[in-house]
N, C-alpha and C. Protein backbone atom coordinates (compact mmCIF):
# COMPACT_ATOMS: atom_id res chain seq x y z
N UNK A 1 0.84 -1.16 0.00
CA UNK A 1 0.00 0.00 0.00
C UNK A 1 0.89 1.24 0.00
N UNK A 2 0.91 1.99 -1.09
CA UNK A 2 1.74 3.19 -1.16
C UNK A 2 1.13 4.36 -0.37
N UNK A 3 2.00 5.26 0.07
CA UNK A 3 1.59 6.47 0.77
C UNK A 3 2.10 7.68 0.01
N UNK A 4 1.35 8.74 0.05
CA UNK A 4 1.73 9.99 -0.58
C UNK A 4 1.67 11.06 0.51
N UNK A 5 2.77 11.78 0.71
CA UNK A 5 2.81 12.81 1.75
C UNK A 5 2.93 14.18 1.09
N UNK A 6 2.06 15.08 1.46
CA UNK A 6 2.03 16.44 0.92
C UNK A 6 2.66 17.38 1.94
N UNK A 7 3.67 18.13 1.50
CA UNK A 7 4.34 19.10 2.37
C UNK A 7 4.47 20.42 1.63
N UNK A 8 4.37 21.54 2.36
CA UNK A 8 4.54 22.83 1.68
C UNK A 8 6.00 23.10 1.38
N UNK A 9 6.24 23.88 0.35
CA UNK A 9 7.61 24.29 0.02
C UNK A 9 8.12 25.24 1.10
N UNK A 10 9.42 25.27 1.33
CA UNK A 10 9.96 26.23 2.30
C UNK A 10 9.59 27.66 1.91
N UNK A 11 9.17 28.42 2.89
CA UNK A 11 8.78 29.81 2.65
C UNK A 11 7.31 29.98 2.30
N UNK A 12 6.56 28.88 2.12
CA UNK A 12 5.13 28.98 1.82
C UNK A 12 4.40 29.34 3.10
N UNK A 13 3.72 30.49 3.14
CA UNK A 13 3.07 30.94 4.38
C UNK A 13 1.74 30.25 4.68
N UNK A 14 1.20 29.47 3.75
CA UNK A 14 -0.10 28.83 3.94
C UNK A 14 0.04 27.65 4.91
N UNK A 15 -0.83 27.59 5.89
CA UNK A 15 -0.83 26.51 6.87
C UNK A 15 -1.10 25.19 6.17
N UNK A 16 -0.32 24.16 6.47
CA UNK A 16 -0.46 22.85 5.81
C UNK A 16 -1.86 22.27 6.00
N UNK A 17 -2.55 22.61 7.07
CA UNK A 17 -3.88 22.06 7.31
C UNK A 17 -4.90 22.54 6.27
N UNK A 18 -4.60 23.63 5.58
CA UNK A 18 -5.51 24.12 4.54
C UNK A 18 -5.37 23.35 3.23
N UNK A 19 -4.38 22.49 3.14
CA UNK A 19 -4.18 21.75 1.90
C UNK A 19 -5.09 20.53 1.79
N UNK A 20 -5.88 20.24 2.80
CA UNK A 20 -6.78 19.09 2.75
C UNK A 20 -7.76 19.22 1.58
N UNK A 21 -8.34 20.41 1.40
CA UNK A 21 -9.27 20.61 0.29
C UNK A 21 -8.59 20.35 -1.04
N UNK A 22 -7.37 20.84 -1.20
CA UNK A 22 -6.63 20.62 -2.44
C UNK A 22 -6.42 19.12 -2.67
N UNK A 23 -6.03 18.40 -1.63
CA UNK A 23 -5.79 16.96 -1.76
C UNK A 23 -7.08 16.23 -2.11
N UNK A 24 -8.20 16.60 -1.49
CA UNK A 24 -9.47 15.92 -1.76
C UNK A 24 -10.04 16.29 -3.13
N UNK A 25 -9.89 17.54 -3.54
CA UNK A 25 -10.50 18.00 -4.79
C UNK A 25 -9.67 17.72 -6.04
N UNK A 26 -8.35 17.64 -5.91
CA UNK A 26 -7.51 17.49 -7.09
C UNK A 26 -6.68 16.20 -7.10
N UNK A 27 -5.97 15.94 -6.02
CA UNK A 27 -5.07 14.78 -6.00
C UNK A 27 -5.84 13.47 -5.91
N UNK A 28 -6.78 13.38 -4.98
CA UNK A 28 -7.54 12.14 -4.76
C UNK A 28 -8.28 11.68 -6.02
N UNK A 29 -9.04 12.55 -6.70
CA UNK A 29 -9.73 12.10 -7.91
C UNK A 29 -8.79 11.62 -9.00
N UNK A 30 -7.64 12.26 -9.14
CA UNK A 30 -6.69 11.84 -10.18
C UNK A 30 -6.09 10.48 -9.86
N UNK A 31 -5.78 10.25 -8.59
CA UNK A 31 -5.25 8.94 -8.20
C UNK A 31 -6.30 7.85 -8.43
N UNK A 32 -7.56 8.14 -8.16
CA UNK A 32 -8.63 7.15 -8.32
C UNK A 32 -8.92 6.82 -9.77
N UNK A 33 -8.48 7.67 -10.70
CA UNK A 33 -8.67 7.40 -12.12
C UNK A 33 -7.60 6.48 -12.70
N UNK A 34 -6.55 6.22 -11.92
CA UNK A 34 -5.48 5.34 -12.38
C UNK A 34 -5.98 3.91 -12.37
N UNK A 35 -5.78 3.20 -13.47
CA UNK A 35 -6.23 1.82 -13.56
C UNK A 35 -5.58 0.98 -12.46
N UNK A 36 -6.41 0.19 -11.79
CA UNK A 36 -5.94 -0.66 -10.71
C UNK A 36 -6.06 -0.04 -9.34
N UNK A 37 -6.37 1.24 -9.26
CA UNK A 37 -6.55 1.90 -7.96
C UNK A 37 -8.03 1.84 -7.61
N UNK A 38 -8.34 1.15 -6.52
CA UNK A 38 -9.73 0.99 -6.10
C UNK A 38 -10.24 2.22 -5.35
N UNK A 39 -9.40 2.78 -4.51
CA UNK A 39 -9.81 3.94 -3.72
C UNK A 39 -8.56 4.63 -3.18
N UNK A 40 -8.73 5.86 -2.78
CA UNK A 40 -7.65 6.58 -2.11
C UNK A 40 -8.25 7.33 -0.92
N UNK A 41 -7.45 7.58 0.08
CA UNK A 41 -7.92 8.24 1.30
C UNK A 41 -7.03 9.44 1.59
N UNK A 42 -7.63 10.45 2.18
CA UNK A 42 -6.90 11.63 2.61
C UNK A 42 -6.96 11.66 4.13
N UNK A 43 -5.79 11.73 4.77
CA UNK A 43 -5.71 11.80 6.22
C UNK A 43 -5.02 13.09 6.61
N UNK A 44 -5.37 13.59 7.79
CA UNK A 44 -4.73 14.80 8.29
C UNK A 44 -5.43 16.05 7.81
N UNK A 45 -4.87 17.16 8.19
CA UNK A 45 -5.48 18.43 7.82
C UNK A 45 -6.77 18.67 8.58
N UNK A 46 -7.48 19.67 8.19
CA UNK A 46 -8.74 20.00 8.83
C UNK A 46 -9.82 20.14 7.78
N UNK A 47 -10.96 19.50 8.04
CA UNK A 47 -12.08 19.67 7.14
C UNK A 47 -12.69 21.04 7.40
N UNK A 48 -13.09 21.67 6.31
CA UNK A 48 -13.74 22.96 6.43
C UNK A 48 -15.14 22.77 6.97
N UNK A 49 -15.56 23.64 7.85
CA UNK A 49 -16.92 23.56 8.36
C UNK A 49 -17.47 24.95 8.58
N UNK A 50 -18.77 25.05 8.53
CA UNK A 50 -19.46 26.31 8.79
C UNK A 50 -20.34 26.14 10.02
N UNK A 51 -20.38 27.13 10.84
CA UNK A 51 -21.26 27.12 12.00
C UNK A 51 -22.48 27.96 11.68
N UNK A 52 -23.65 27.39 11.86
CA UNK A 52 -24.90 28.09 11.56
C UNK A 52 -25.49 28.60 12.87
N UNK A 53 -25.63 29.91 12.97
CA UNK A 53 -26.27 30.51 14.14
C UNK A 53 -27.69 30.87 13.74
N UNK A 54 -28.62 30.40 14.53
CA UNK A 54 -30.04 30.54 14.19
C UNK A 54 -30.66 31.70 14.98
N UNK A 55 -31.43 32.51 14.28
CA UNK A 55 -32.21 33.58 14.90
C UNK A 55 -33.62 33.04 15.12
N UNK A 56 -33.96 32.67 16.34
CA UNK A 56 -35.27 32.05 16.57
C UNK A 56 -36.44 32.99 16.24
N UNK A 57 -36.24 34.29 16.38
CA UNK A 57 -37.31 35.24 16.06
C UNK A 57 -37.57 35.30 14.55
N UNK A 58 -36.49 35.24 13.77
CA UNK A 58 -36.65 35.24 12.31
C UNK A 58 -37.33 33.96 11.84
N UNK A 59 -36.96 32.83 12.45
CA UNK A 59 -37.62 31.56 12.10
C UNK A 59 -39.09 31.62 12.45
N UNK A 60 -39.41 32.11 13.65
CA UNK A 60 -40.80 32.18 14.09
C UNK A 60 -41.61 33.09 13.16
N UNK A 61 -41.02 34.19 12.71
CA UNK A 61 -41.71 35.11 11.81
C UNK A 61 -42.05 34.45 10.48
N UNK A 62 -41.22 33.48 10.08
CA UNK A 62 -41.46 32.77 8.82
C UNK A 62 -42.26 31.49 9.02
N UNK A 63 -42.53 31.13 10.28
CA UNK A 63 -43.28 29.91 10.56
C UNK A 63 -42.47 28.65 10.32
N UNK A 64 -41.15 28.73 10.56
CA UNK A 64 -40.23 27.61 10.32
C UNK A 64 -39.68 27.15 11.66
N UNK A 65 -39.64 25.83 11.87
CA UNK A 65 -39.08 25.30 13.10
C UNK A 65 -37.59 25.02 12.90
N UNK A 66 -36.88 24.89 14.02
CA UNK A 66 -35.46 24.57 13.96
C UNK A 66 -35.28 23.20 13.31
N UNK A 67 -36.17 22.26 13.60
CA UNK A 67 -36.10 20.91 13.01
C UNK A 67 -36.24 20.98 11.49
N UNK A 68 -37.15 21.80 10.99
CA UNK A 68 -37.32 21.94 9.54
C UNK A 68 -36.08 22.54 8.89
N UNK A 69 -35.49 23.54 9.53
CA UNK A 69 -34.28 24.15 8.99
C UNK A 69 -33.13 23.15 8.99
N UNK A 70 -32.96 22.40 10.08
CA UNK A 70 -31.89 21.40 10.16
C UNK A 70 -32.07 20.33 9.09
N UNK A 71 -33.30 19.89 8.87
CA UNK A 71 -33.58 18.88 7.84
C UNK A 71 -33.26 19.42 6.44
N UNK A 72 -33.60 20.68 6.19
CA UNK A 72 -33.32 21.29 4.88
C UNK A 72 -31.81 21.41 4.67
N UNK A 73 -31.07 21.80 5.70
CA UNK A 73 -29.62 21.91 5.58
C UNK A 73 -29.00 20.54 5.28
N UNK A 74 -29.46 19.51 5.98
CA UNK A 74 -28.93 18.16 5.76
C UNK A 74 -29.27 17.66 4.36
N UNK A 75 -30.50 17.93 3.90
CA UNK A 75 -30.96 17.46 2.59
C UNK A 75 -30.18 18.11 1.45
N UNK A 76 -29.82 19.37 1.61
CA UNK A 76 -29.16 20.09 0.53
C UNK A 76 -27.64 20.06 0.61
N UNK A 77 -27.09 19.33 1.56
CA UNK A 77 -25.64 19.28 1.73
C UNK A 77 -25.17 17.82 1.71
N UNK A 78 -25.40 17.14 0.60
CA UNK A 78 -25.05 15.73 0.48
C UNK A 78 -24.05 15.50 -0.64
N UNK A 79 -23.21 14.50 -0.45
CA UNK A 79 -22.23 14.08 -1.44
C UNK A 79 -22.53 12.61 -1.71
N UNK A 80 -23.16 12.31 -2.85
CA UNK A 80 -23.67 10.97 -3.12
C UNK A 80 -23.02 10.39 -4.37
N UNK A 81 -22.62 9.12 -4.28
CA UNK A 81 -22.05 8.44 -5.43
C UNK A 81 -23.15 8.12 -6.44
N UNK A 82 -22.86 8.37 -7.72
CA UNK A 82 -23.80 8.06 -8.79
C UNK A 82 -23.25 6.95 -9.68
N UNK A 83 -22.19 6.26 -9.23
CA UNK A 83 -21.64 5.13 -9.97
C UNK A 83 -20.42 5.48 -10.79
N UNK A 84 -20.07 4.54 -11.68
CA UNK A 84 -18.90 4.69 -12.54
C UNK A 84 -19.33 4.74 -14.00
N UNK A 85 -18.51 5.35 -14.82
CA UNK A 85 -18.75 5.41 -16.25
C UNK A 85 -17.45 5.08 -16.95
N UNK A 86 -17.49 4.06 -17.79
CA UNK A 86 -16.28 3.68 -18.52
C UNK A 86 -16.43 4.07 -19.98
N UNK A 87 -15.40 4.72 -20.50
CA UNK A 87 -15.39 5.15 -21.89
C UNK A 87 -14.02 4.81 -22.46
N UNK A 88 -13.96 3.75 -23.23
CA UNK A 88 -12.67 3.30 -23.75
C UNK A 88 -11.78 2.84 -22.62
N UNK A 89 -10.60 3.42 -22.54
CA UNK A 89 -9.66 3.07 -21.47
C UNK A 89 -9.84 3.94 -20.23
N UNK A 90 -10.77 4.85 -20.28
CA UNK A 90 -10.97 5.77 -19.15
C UNK A 90 -12.15 5.33 -18.30
N UNK A 91 -12.00 5.52 -17.01
CA UNK A 91 -13.06 5.23 -16.05
C UNK A 91 -13.32 6.50 -15.26
N UNK A 92 -14.57 6.95 -15.24
CA UNK A 92 -14.94 8.16 -14.53
C UNK A 92 -15.83 7.79 -13.34
N UNK A 93 -15.55 8.39 -12.19
CA UNK A 93 -16.39 8.22 -11.01
C UNK A 93 -17.35 9.41 -10.99
N UNK A 94 -18.65 9.11 -10.97
CA UNK A 94 -19.67 10.15 -11.04
C UNK A 94 -20.27 10.37 -9.66
N UNK A 95 -20.32 11.61 -9.22
CA UNK A 95 -20.87 11.94 -7.92
C UNK A 95 -21.75 13.18 -8.04
N UNK A 96 -22.77 13.24 -7.20
CA UNK A 96 -23.51 14.49 -7.06
C UNK A 96 -22.89 15.20 -5.86
N UNK A 97 -22.45 16.41 -6.04
CA UNK A 97 -21.75 17.11 -4.96
C UNK A 97 -22.37 18.49 -4.74
N UNK A 98 -23.56 18.53 -4.16
CA UNK A 98 -24.13 19.84 -3.86
C UNK A 98 -23.72 20.35 -2.48
N UNK A 99 -22.52 20.00 -2.04
CA UNK A 99 -22.09 20.46 -0.73
C UNK A 99 -21.93 21.97 -0.73
N UNK A 100 -22.21 22.57 0.41
CA UNK A 100 -22.08 24.02 0.55
C UNK A 100 -20.63 24.43 0.42
N UNK A 101 -20.40 25.51 -0.30
CA UNK A 101 -19.04 26.04 -0.48
C UNK A 101 -18.84 27.39 0.19
N UNK A 102 -19.95 28.04 0.57
CA UNK A 102 -19.81 29.36 1.17
C UNK A 102 -20.94 29.62 2.16
N UNK A 103 -20.76 30.57 3.06
CA UNK A 103 -21.84 30.93 3.99
C UNK A 103 -23.09 31.44 3.25
N UNK A 104 -22.91 32.09 2.12
CA UNK A 104 -24.06 32.60 1.36
C UNK A 104 -24.96 31.46 0.88
N UNK A 105 -24.37 30.33 0.48
CA UNK A 105 -25.16 29.18 0.05
C UNK A 105 -25.97 28.62 1.21
N UNK A 106 -25.39 28.58 2.39
CA UNK A 106 -26.11 28.09 3.57
C UNK A 106 -27.27 29.02 3.90
N UNK A 107 -27.02 30.32 3.82
CA UNK A 107 -28.06 31.31 4.14
C UNK A 107 -29.26 31.20 3.22
N UNK A 108 -29.05 30.80 1.97
CA UNK A 108 -30.14 30.69 1.01
C UNK A 108 -31.12 29.56 1.33
N UNK A 109 -30.68 28.56 2.09
CA UNK A 109 -31.55 27.41 2.40
C UNK A 109 -32.79 27.87 3.13
N UNK A 110 -32.63 28.71 4.14
CA UNK A 110 -33.79 29.20 4.90
C UNK A 110 -34.74 30.01 4.05
N UNK A 111 -34.23 30.71 3.06
CA UNK A 111 -35.08 31.53 2.18
C UNK A 111 -35.88 30.67 1.21
N UNK A 112 -35.42 29.45 0.94
CA UNK A 112 -36.13 28.58 0.00
C UNK A 112 -37.23 27.76 0.68
N UNK A 113 -37.24 27.72 2.01
CA UNK A 113 -38.28 26.97 2.71
C UNK A 113 -39.61 27.68 2.54
N UNK A 114 -40.70 26.90 2.46
CA UNK A 114 -42.01 27.54 2.29
C UNK A 114 -42.37 28.37 3.53
N UNK A 115 -42.87 29.55 3.28
CA UNK A 115 -43.24 30.46 4.36
C UNK A 115 -44.66 30.15 4.80
N UNK A 116 -44.84 29.99 6.10
CA UNK A 116 -46.18 29.77 6.63
C UNK A 116 -46.58 30.95 7.50
N UNK A 117 -47.84 31.31 7.44
CA UNK A 117 -48.27 32.43 8.29
C UNK A 117 -48.18 32.02 9.76
N UNK A 118 -47.83 32.96 10.64
CA UNK A 118 -47.77 32.62 12.06
C UNK A 118 -49.13 32.26 12.62
N UNK A 119 -49.12 31.34 13.58
CA UNK A 119 -50.38 30.96 14.23
C UNK A 119 -50.72 31.99 15.28
N UNK A 120 -51.98 32.37 15.31
CA UNK A 120 -52.44 33.34 16.31
C UNK A 120 -53.30 32.61 17.31
N UNK A 121 -52.94 32.71 18.56
CA UNK A 121 -53.71 32.06 19.63
C UNK A 121 -54.58 33.09 20.32
N UNK A 122 -55.84 32.73 20.56
CA UNK A 122 -56.76 33.67 21.20
C UNK A 122 -56.87 33.39 22.67
């Protein structure tokens, strides 16, 4: 089992932990296209994540529950395999990757949920 180690060049000011995205987006897919390679893994670094802070008053004004918002975020942030495609000597791995790339994309999820009028209690 071969190993590949990624290191920054001397004088490169970028923290090595930020190279995980590069390894996953560019190196890993290219290695997996090599004939005879079943899979490749990326270890180390830090996965990028976004923290969502919820305004309960804004949700209530739109008639949306925290559970509905959480379900919508999970539904729209999936990375799913769609199988393989072989064309001649080339093999392509097909995936649906609607993962969030920016805070603006996450913010749009709440705006796409159906708005319900608030319930009025007498």
